[in-house]
Amino acid sequence: MNEIELTEILKIAQDGEAKLKEMSNHATTMSEKWRVKTNTSINAEAIHNQDTKVESL
């Protein structure tokens, strides 16, 4: 391989690395949104259950 081919391969690898990092960051963001959504849902359900218990006392 000559220098030009190696430079092209390096560029492709760097572009791939950047794309993987972007995808990873996106997945992390989506995961965090899902965690907040599910925790909010779980907390709302827990509060509802507590209200039911208080009413039955």
Protein backbone atom coordinates (compact mmCIF):
# COMPACT_ATOMS: atom_id res chain seq x y z
CA MET A 1 0.00 0.00 0.00
CA ASN A 2 1.16 3.47 -0.71
CA GLU A 3 0.80 6.58 1.41
CA ILE A 4 -2.33 7.82 -0.38
CA GLU A 5 -4.15 4.51 0.21
CA LEU A 6 -3.14 4.49 3.86
CA THR A 7 -4.34 8.08 4.25
CA GLU A 8 -7.70 7.14 2.71
CA ILE A 9 -8.03 4.13 5.02
CA LEU A 10 -7.19 6.29 8.03
CA LYS A 11 -9.85 8.85 6.99
CA ILE A 12 -12.47 6.10 6.61
CA ALA A 13 -11.56 4.69 10.03
CA GLN A 14 -11.77 8.13 11.64
CA ASP A 15 -15.16 8.78 10.03
CA GLY A 16 -16.37 5.40 11.28
CA GLU A 17 -15.11 6.16 14.78
CA ALA A 18 -16.91 9.52 14.77
CA LYS A 19 -20.14 7.87 13.58
CA LEU A 20 -19.90 5.21 16.32
CA LYS A 21 -19.36 7.91 18.94
CA GLU A 22 -22.37 9.83 17.63
CA MET A 23 -24.52 6.68 17.74
CA SER A 24 -23.31 5.88 21.26
CA ASN A 25 -24.13 9.40 22.46
CA HIS A 26 -27.58 9.13 20.89
CA ALA A 27 -28.17 5.76 22.56
CA THR A 28 -27.08 7.20 25.91
CA THR A 29 -29.49 10.12 25.50
CA MET A 30 -32.37 7.81 24.59
CA SER A 31 -31.54 5.53 27.52
CA GLU A 32 -31.56 8.47 29.91
CA LYS A 33 -34.91 9.69 28.57
CA TRP A 34 -36.33 6.17 28.99
CA ARG A 35 -34.97 5.95 32.55
CA VAL A 36 -36.57 9.27 33.48
CA LYS A 37 -39.86 8.28 31.83
CA THR A 38 -40.04 4.89 33.55
CA ASN A 39 -38.98 6.29 36.93
CA THR A 40 -41.61 9.00 36.62
CA SER A 41 -44.22 6.38 35.78
CA ILE A 42 -43.14 4.13 38.66
CA ASN A 43 -43.13 7.07 41.09
CA ALA A 44 -46.59 8.19 39.94
CA GLU A 45 -47.90 4.66 40.45
CA ALA A 46 -46.32 4.45 43.90
CA ILE A 47 -47.91 7.76 44.89
CA HIS A 48 -51.27 6.53 43.61
CA ASN A 49 -50.91 3.34 45.67
CA GLN A 50 -50.01 5.37 48.75
CA ASP A 51 -53.12 7.53 48.29
CA THR A 52 -55.25 4.39 48.12
CA LYS A 53 -53.70 3.10 51.34
CA VAL A 54 -54.29 6.42 53.11
CA GLU A 55 -57.93 6.45 51.99
CA SER A 56 -58.48 2.94 53.36
CA LEU A 57 -57.20 3.94 56.82
